[in-house]
Amino acid sequence: MTEHMRAARLHAINTPMVIEEVERPVASGNDVVVEVKACGLVPNLANVLNNWESWYPHQPLPPKPAIFGLDPAGIVRAVGEQVVAIKPGDRVYVNPLRSCGACHACASGEQAKCDYFTFCGYFGFNEKSLDVYARYPGGGFAEFMSAPQGAIVKIPDNLSFVQAARLGYLGTSYSALKKCGILAGKSLVINGATGTLGVGATIFALAMGVAKIYAVARGEPLLERLKQLAPGRIETFSNAKGYAADWVKSRTAGLGADFMVDCLGAVADVAALKDAMMGVRRGGRIINIGGTGSDMALNTKWWMDNSMQLIGSAWFTTAEGMEMAEMVRSGVVDLSILEARAFPLDRVNEAINGAASGDGGFTSYVLEL
């Protein structure tokens, strides 16, 4: 007998989601079914729902009516006959990254380089994502969801479901920091430091041994709050007052910082990104995770002459999710400094509108089921 569940579904862009009864997924093969307990709301979700099809038509949304929800956490309720090492009752985070699982990139643990790279419950990166959505159509805005066992991160008891529902953006920051290289004893510019990605980058950079963080953003109250995480290791600057690059170089004997992680969002001024980049020293690495959606004029000779590396980094691997879970379990990372505003599934549209309200990266919006 077919079982049903409640889910929030989007039938058309620029319309509210509708709570409906739909068929509950069934576990088979290498898949598991997770009872969703919490699902994070991406700050950019309203833009994706309303504008993505015109902004980025080459990056398809899941076919409508669609169940979105990028950052789910919950309890495994059923497993397929080919699943190993995961059992009903496990507390888990579900990594929404989907890929083909069979190409060289996937076999190398670099699923973001797969041609089928897709965000379940959010958007895809090319037309091949539609094949992925045919297999995994639902995100976390539902009482249950299916996922491949390779997407499952077991979470410790000291990590709540609501906290785990933020692992997506925390993981994006963590993966970017790993791409910088060894952080111990090094200096790092975090541009857009007070947003969701920036606060996550600050938390994990401190845990990974960075010596100095140069935090750049606009609003001074949130910058001051960020500084209090480690007053001796964090210096802050409001780029509303001048050029970030000049400030960073003034703090580093004219050399610049070793690394930079750019966390500015899709509609940010690309000039702020370019400015902060100029505060990175010769031979430095610049990791872009914010996705500012504008072209940027860049002097390629500066790039060559100074041996600069500019790296794009989208999301994180399930293995990196496991690493973060262990950092929380062991107490290396404390997520209690973050706040969550939780909403029931019935108030999903209110929650989506609130997620873009600009409260800063210390606060996240979550559906709690």
Protein backbone atom coordinates (compact mmCIF):
# COMPACT_ATOMS: atom_id res chain seq x y z
CA MET A 1 0.00 0.00 0.00
CA THR A 2 1.39 3.40 -1.02
CA GLU A 3 2.28 5.68 1.89
CA HIS A 4 2.04 9.46 1.69
CA MET A 5 3.72 12.45 3.30
CA ARG A 6 3.37 16.20 3.51
CA ALA A 7 5.63 18.33 1.35
CA ALA A 8 5.97 21.96 0.27
CA ARG A 9 5.89 22.12 -3.52
CA LEU A 10 6.54 24.94 -5.98
CA HIS A 11 4.17 24.86 -8.97
CA ALA A 12 5.37 28.03 -10.74
CA ILE A 13 7.93 30.77 -10.25
CA ASN A 14 6.79 33.90 -8.41
CA THR A 15 4.10 31.93 -6.61
CA PRO A 16 4.04 30.63 -3.02
CA MET A 17 4.82 27.02 -2.24
CA VAL A 18 1.83 24.80 -1.48
CA ILE A 19 1.66 22.15 1.26
CA GLU A 20 0.39 18.94 -0.33
CA GLU A 21 0.09 15.21 0.28
CA VAL A 22 2.44 13.34 -2.05
CA GLU A 23 3.76 9.82 -2.37
CA ARG A 24 6.42 8.93 0.17
CA PRO A 25 9.75 7.66 -1.29
CA VAL A 26 10.73 4.01 -0.93
CA ALA A 27 14.27 2.78 -0.25
CA SER A 28 15.84 0.41 -2.76
CA GLY A 29 19.27 -0.46 -4.09
CA ASN A 30 21.93 1.93 -2.77
CA ASP A 31 19.39 4.50 -1.56
CA VAL A 32 18.12 5.36 1.89
CA VAL A 33 14.99 7.15 3.05
CA VAL A 34 15.47 9.85 5.68
CA GLU A 35 12.75 11.32 7.87
CA VAL A 36 13.57 15.02 7.69
CA LYS A 37 13.74 16.74 11.07
CA ALA A 38 15.19 20.08 9.92
CA CYS A 39 16.14 21.71 6.64
CA GLY A 40 18.09 24.90 6.23
CA LEU A 41 16.89 27.71 4.00
CA VAL A 42 19.51 29.17 1.72
CA PRO A 43 19.66 32.99 1.98
CA ASN A 44 19.59 33.13 -1.82
CA LEU A 45 16.54 30.84 -2.14
CA ALA A 46 14.03 33.57 -2.97
CA ASN A 47 16.22 34.69 -5.88
CA VAL A 48 16.50 31.12 -7.12
CA LEU A 49 12.75 30.56 -6.96
CA ASN A 50 11.81 33.85 -8.61
CA ASN A 51 14.69 34.85 -10.88
CA TRP A 52 16.95 31.89 -11.65
CA GLU A 53 15.23 30.85 -14.86
CA SER A 54 15.87 34.28 -16.37
CA TRP A 55 19.25 34.96 -14.72
CA TYR A 56 20.84 31.55 -15.42
CA PRO A 57 18.67 29.63 -17.90
CA HIS A 58 21.51 27.16 -18.47
CA GLN A 59 21.26 26.01 -14.84
CA PRO A 60 17.92 24.17 -14.59
CA LEU A 61 15.64 24.06 -11.59
CA PRO A 62 14.03 20.72 -10.68
CA PRO A 63 10.89 20.06 -12.78
CA LYS A 64 7.72 21.49 -11.27
CA PRO A 65 5.88 20.82 -9.10
CA ALA A 66 9.19 20.70 -7.23
CA ILE A 67 10.22 19.97 -3.67
CA PHE A 68 13.10 22.25 -2.79
CA GLY A 69 15.23 22.17 0.36
CA LEU A 70 19.02 22.10 0.11
CA ASP A 71 20.22 21.38 3.65
CA PRO A 72 18.32 18.48 5.27
CA ALA A 73 19.08 16.57 8.46
CA GLY A 74 17.08 13.81 10.08
CA ILE A 75 16.82 10.12 10.91
CA VAL A 76 17.30 7.18 8.56
CA ARG A 77 14.03 5.22 8.41
CA ALA A 78 14.70 2.68 5.63
CA VAL A 79 17.66 1.45 3.60
CA GLY A 80 17.94 -0.31 0.25
CA GLU A 81 19.16 -3.86 -0.08
CA GLN A 82 22.61 -2.73 -1.27
CA VAL A 83 23.24 -0.23 1.55
CA VAL A 84 26.08 -0.94 3.97
CA ALA A 85 27.22 0.85 7.14
CA ILE A 86 24.00 2.89 7.40
CA LYS A 87 21.01 1.62 9.33
CA PRO A 88 17.56 2.80 10.38
CA GLY A 89 17.78 5.08 13.40
CA ASP A 90 21.04 6.76 12.38
CA ARG A 91 21.08 10.54 12.88
CA VAL A 92 22.33 12.04 9.62
CA TYR A 93 22.90 15.06 7.42
CA VAL A 94 22.07 14.56 3.74
CA ASN A 95 24.61 16.12 1.39
CA PRO A 96 22.53 17.44 -1.53
CA LEU A 97 25.41 17.09 -3.99
CA ARG A 98 24.50 14.57 -6.69
CA SER A 99 26.69 13.29 -9.50
CA CYS A 100 26.86 10.29 -11.83
CA GLY A 101 29.03 8.26 -9.45
CA ALA A 102 30.84 6.49 -12.28
CA CYS A 103 33.16 8.98 -14.02
CA HIS A 104 36.81 9.68 -13.21
CA ALA A 105 35.92 12.79 -11.21
CA CYS A 106 33.44 10.89 -9.05
CA ALA A 107 35.82 7.97 -8.54
CA SER A 108 38.47 10.49 -7.46
CA GLY A 109 36.19 12.05 -4.85
CA GLU A 110 35.76 15.24 -6.87
CA GLN A 111 32.04 15.06 -7.62
CA ALA A 112 31.82 18.82 -8.21
CA LYS A 113 33.81 18.24 -11.42
CA CYS A 114 31.33 15.66 -12.70
CA ASP A 115 29.27 16.66 -15.74
CA TYR A 116 26.16 15.61 -13.79
CA PHE A 117 26.95 17.80 -10.76
CA THR A 118 23.59 18.85 -9.31
CA PHE A 119 22.19 20.35 -6.11
CA CYS A 120 19.23 18.22 -5.04
CA GLY A 121 16.48 20.52 -3.83
CA TYR A 122 18.04 23.63 -5.39
CA PHE A 123 19.36 23.85 -8.98
CA GLY A 124 21.54 22.03 -11.48
CA PHE A 125 24.57 23.14 -13.46
CA ASN A 126 23.62 21.98 -16.97
CA GLU A 127 20.93 20.03 -18.82
CA LYS A 128 22.31 16.71 -17.50
CA SER A 129 20.97 17.71 -14.10
CA LEU A 130 17.49 16.87 -15.39
CA ASP A 131 18.57 13.21 -15.52
CA VAL A 132 19.62 13.49 -11.88
CA TYR A 133 16.30 15.07 -10.89
CA ALA A 134 14.47 12.16 -12.54
CA ARG A 135 16.19 9.87 -10.03
CA TYR A 136 16.22 12.16 -6.98
CA PRO A 137 13.39 14.66 -7.45
CA GLY A 138 12.85 15.76 -3.85
CA GLY A 139 14.73 18.01 -1.46
CA GLY A 140 14.29 18.57 2.25
CA PHE A 141 11.03 20.55 2.35
CA ALA A 142 9.13 17.31 2.98
CA GLU A 143 8.60 14.84 5.78
CA PHE A 144 10.72 12.22 3.99
CA MET A 145 13.32 12.18 1.21
CA SER A 146 15.48 9.63 -0.59
CA ALA A 147 19.21 9.91 -1.12
CA PRO A 148 22.12 7.70 -2.22
CA GLN A 149 24.14 6.22 0.63
CA GLY A 150 27.18 8.16 -0.60
CA ALA A 151 25.44 11.41 0.39
CA ILE A 152 24.92 10.45 4.03
CA VAL A 153 26.92 12.03 6.86
CA LYS A 154 26.32 10.56 10.30
CA ILE A 155 26.14 13.33 12.89
CA PRO A 156 27.10 13.19 16.58
CA ASP A 157 24.69 13.56 19.47
CA ASN A 158 26.10 17.00 20.34
CA LEU A 159 25.06 18.33 16.92
CA SER A 160 21.33 19.07 16.82
CA PHE A 161 19.28 18.61 13.66
CA VAL A 162 18.76 22.37 13.48
CA GLN A 163 22.52 22.96 13.71
CA ALA A 164 23.20 20.22 11.16
CA ALA A 165 20.80 21.94 8.75
CA ARG A 166 23.47 24.59 8.32
CA LEU A 167 26.25 22.18 7.33
CA GLY A 168 25.83 23.01 3.65
CA TYR A 169 27.04 26.57 3.90
CA LEU A 170 29.51 25.71 6.65
CA GLY A 171 30.85 22.95 4.42
CA THR A 172 31.20 25.29 1.46
CA SER A 173 33.41 27.50 3.60
CA TYR A 174 35.34 24.57 5.06
CA SER A 175 36.07 23.08 1.63
CA ALA A 176 37.32 26.46 0.39
CA LEU A 177 39.67 26.77 3.35
CA LYS A 178 41.11 23.34 2.62
CA LYS A 179 41.83 24.47 -0.95
CA CYS A 180 43.94 27.30 0.45
CA GLY A 181 46.39 24.78 1.85
CA ILE A 182 47.86 24.71 5.34
CA LEU A 183 46.40 27.60 7.34
CA ALA A 184 48.49 27.23 10.50
CA GLY A 185 50.54 30.37 10.99
CA LYS A 186 49.12 32.01 7.85
CA SER A 187 46.97 35.07 7.19
CA LEU A 188 43.60 35.09 5.48
CA VAL A 189 41.29 37.72 4.01
CA ILE A 190 37.61 36.83 4.33
CA ASN A 191 35.65 39.12 2.03
CA GLY A 192 31.97 39.35 2.87
CA ALA A 193 32.91 38.11 6.32
CA THR A 194 29.64 38.80 8.12
CA GLY A 195 27.39 36.80 5.79
CA THR A 196 26.47 33.14 6.13
CA LEU A 197 29.53 31.90 4.25
CA GLY A 198 31.84 34.42 5.88
CA VAL A 199 30.91 33.56 9.45
CA GLY A 200 31.35 29.87 8.65
CA ALA A 201 34.75 30.54 7.11
CA THR A 202 35.78 32.45 10.23
CA ILE A 203 34.71 29.65 12.60
CA PHE A 204 36.55 26.94 10.69
CA ALA A 205 39.64 29.00 9.86
CA LEU A 206 40.14 29.61 13.57
CA ALA A 207 39.75 25.89 14.25
CA MET A 208 42.25 25.08 11.49
CA GLY A 209 44.96 27.23 13.06
CA VAL A 210 44.97 30.42 11.01
CA ALA A 211 47.16 33.06 12.65
CA LYS A 212 45.33 36.16 11.44
CA ILE A 213 42.00 36.84 9.78
CA TYR A 214 41.40 40.14 7.99
CA ALA A 215 37.60 40.29 7.96
CA VAL A 216 36.09 42.65 5.37
CA ALA A 217 32.40 43.58 5.12
CA ARG A 218 30.24 46.69 5.16
CA GLY A 219 28.39 46.70 8.46
CA GLU A 220 30.49 47.54 11.50
CA PRO A 221 28.19 46.11 14.22
CA LEU A 222 28.39 42.61 12.74
CA LEU A 223 32.11 43.00 12.13
CA GLU A 224 32.57 43.81 15.80
CA ARG A 225 30.54 40.75 16.77
CA LEU A 226 32.72 38.63 14.50
CA LYS A 227 35.90 40.01 16.04
CA GLN A 228 34.78 38.83 19.48
CA LEU A 229 35.18 35.22 18.35
CA ALA A 230 38.96 35.70 18.65
CA PRO A 231 39.92 39.34 19.32
CA GLY A 232 43.65 38.64 19.10
CA ARG A 233 43.42 36.86 15.75
CA ILE A 234 40.71 38.80 13.91
CA GLU A 235 41.02 42.33 12.56
CA THR A 236 38.05 43.97 10.86
CA PHE A 237 37.49 46.60 8.19
CA SER A 238 34.37 48.17 6.71
CA ASN A 239 34.85 48.60 2.97
CA ALA A 240 32.28 51.38 3.15
CA LYS A 241 35.19 53.45 4.48
CA GLY A 242 37.74 52.79 1.76
CA TYR A 243 39.71 50.15 -0.11
CA ALA A 244 40.14 46.77 1.54
CA ALA A 245 43.38 46.04 -0.33
CA ASP A 246 45.05 49.18 1.00
CA TRP A 247 43.95 48.32 4.54
CA VAL A 248 45.20 44.72 4.36
CA LYS A 249 48.57 45.80 2.99
CA SER A 250 48.86 48.42 5.72
CA ARG A 251 48.51 45.59 8.26
CA THR A 252 51.02 43.28 6.53
CA ALA A 253 54.05 45.52 5.89
CA GLY A 254 52.86 46.13 2.33
CA LEU A 255 52.93 42.43 1.38
CA GLY A 256 49.28 41.36 1.63
CA ALA A 257 47.68 38.27 3.13
CA ASP A 258 48.58 34.70 2.23
CA PHE A 259 45.08 33.65 1.20
CA MET A 260 41.61 35.00 0.53
CA VAL A 261 38.14 33.46 0.57
CA ASP A 262 35.51 35.55 -1.19
CA CYS A 263 32.01 35.13 0.22
CA LEU A 264 30.14 37.93 -1.54
CA GLY A 265 26.71 36.94 -2.86
CA ALA A 266 25.27 36.77 -6.35
CA VAL A 267 24.13 40.40 -6.54
CA ALA A 268 27.15 41.96 -4.81
CA ASP A 269 29.31 44.60 -6.46
CA VAL A 270 32.10 42.78 -8.27
CA ALA A 271 34.35 45.81 -7.64
CA ALA A 272 34.44 44.82 -3.96
CA LEU A 273 35.73 41.38 -4.96
CA LYS A 274 38.44 42.81 -7.18
CA ASP A 275 39.47 45.30 -4.50
CA ALA A 276 39.93 42.60 -1.85
CA MET A 277 41.87 40.40 -4.28
CA MET A 278 44.52 43.08 -4.56
CA GLY A 279 45.18 42.59 -0.85
CA VAL A 280 46.60 39.09 -1.41
CA ARG A 281 50.35 38.74 -1.53
CA ARG A 282 52.49 37.40 -4.36
CA GLY A 283 51.94 33.68 -4.87
CA GLY A 284 48.66 33.76 -2.97
CA ARG A 285 45.48 31.80 -3.45
CA ILE A 286 42.02 33.33 -3.87
CA ILE A 287 39.05 31.01 -3.44
CA ASN A 288 35.65 32.21 -4.67
CA ILE A 289 32.60 30.63 -3.03
CA GLY A 290 30.11 33.52 -3.02
CA GLY A 291 29.19 33.38 -6.70
CA THR A 292 29.09 37.09 -7.53
CA GLY A 293 27.26 37.06 -10.84
CA SER A 294 29.06 39.72 -12.88
CA ASP A 295 31.98 39.86 -15.27
CA MET A 296 35.20 41.23 -13.81
CA ALA A 297 38.01 42.89 -15.72
CA LEU A 298 41.29 41.44 -14.46
CA ASN A 299 44.81 42.30 -15.56
CA THR A 300 46.12 38.90 -16.64
CA LYS A 301 49.73 40.11 -16.50
CA TRP A 302 49.29 40.91 -12.80
CA TRP A 303 47.95 37.38 -12.43
CA MET A 304 50.96 35.89 -14.24
CA ASP A 305 53.68 38.11 -12.82
CA ASN A 306 52.57 37.51 -9.24
CA SER A 307 51.92 33.76 -9.64
CA MET A 308 48.36 34.19 -8.35
CA GLN A 309 45.86 31.33 -8.13
CA LEU A 310 42.14 32.03 -8.51
CA ILE A 311 40.02 28.98 -7.67
CA GLY A 312 36.27 28.48 -7.84
CA SER A 313 34.87 26.13 -5.21
CA ALA A 314 31.26 24.93 -5.20
CA TRP A 315 29.98 23.02 -2.16
CA PHE A 316 31.87 20.23 -0.40
CA THR A 317 32.26 16.46 -0.46
CA THR A 318 30.53 13.98 1.82
CA ALA A 319 33.97 13.16 3.23
CA GLU A 320 34.40 16.81 4.19
CA GLY A 321 30.99 16.63 5.83
CA MET A 322 32.26 13.72 7.91
CA GLU A 323 35.30 15.76 8.90
CA MET A 324 33.13 18.63 10.08
CA ALA A 325 30.91 16.28 12.06
CA GLU A 326 33.98 14.91 13.83
CA MET A 327 35.26 18.42 14.56
CA VAL A 328 31.95 19.18 16.25
CA ARG A 329 31.89 15.85 18.09
CA SER A 330 35.38 16.41 19.51
CA GLY A 331 34.72 20.03 20.48
CA VAL A 332 37.24 21.50 18.03
CA VAL A 333 34.35 23.49 16.54
CA ASP A 334 31.52 24.94 18.65
CA LEU A 335 28.40 25.84 16.67
CA SER A 336 26.48 27.09 19.70
CA ILE A 337 27.51 30.65 18.79
CA LEU A 338 25.12 30.43 15.81
CA GLU A 339 21.43 31.20 16.10
CA ALA A 340 18.55 29.60 14.23
CA ARG A 341 15.07 30.90 13.53
CA ALA A 342 12.93 27.81 13.10
CA PHE A 343 9.61 27.62 11.27
CA PRO A 344 7.18 24.72 10.81
CA LEU A 345 6.61 23.36 7.32
CA ASP A 346 3.27 25.20 7.09
CA ARG A 347 5.13 28.53 7.29
CA VAL A 348 7.64 27.74 4.57
CA ASN A 349 6.84 30.84 2.50
CA GLU A 350 7.29 33.13 5.48
CA ALA A 351 10.60 31.45 6.24
CA ILE A 352 11.83 31.88 2.64
CA ASN A 353 11.11 35.59 2.74
CA GLY A 354 12.84 35.94 6.10
CA ALA A 355 15.97 34.10 5.00
CA ALA A 356 16.94 37.05 2.81
CA SER A 357 16.26 39.69 5.45
CA GLY A 358 19.91 40.54 5.99
CA ASP A 359 20.28 39.59 9.66
CA GLY A 360 23.86 38.49 9.07
CA GLY A 361 25.64 35.17 9.06
CA PHE A 362 25.20 34.43 12.74
CA THR A 363 21.50 33.75 12.12
CA SER A 364 20.07 31.04 9.91
CA TYR A 365 16.53 30.16 8.89
CA VAL A 366 15.38 26.58 9.25
CA LEU A 367 12.29 24.51 8.67
CA GLU A 368 11.79 22.20 11.63
CA LEU A 369 9.57 19.24 10.87
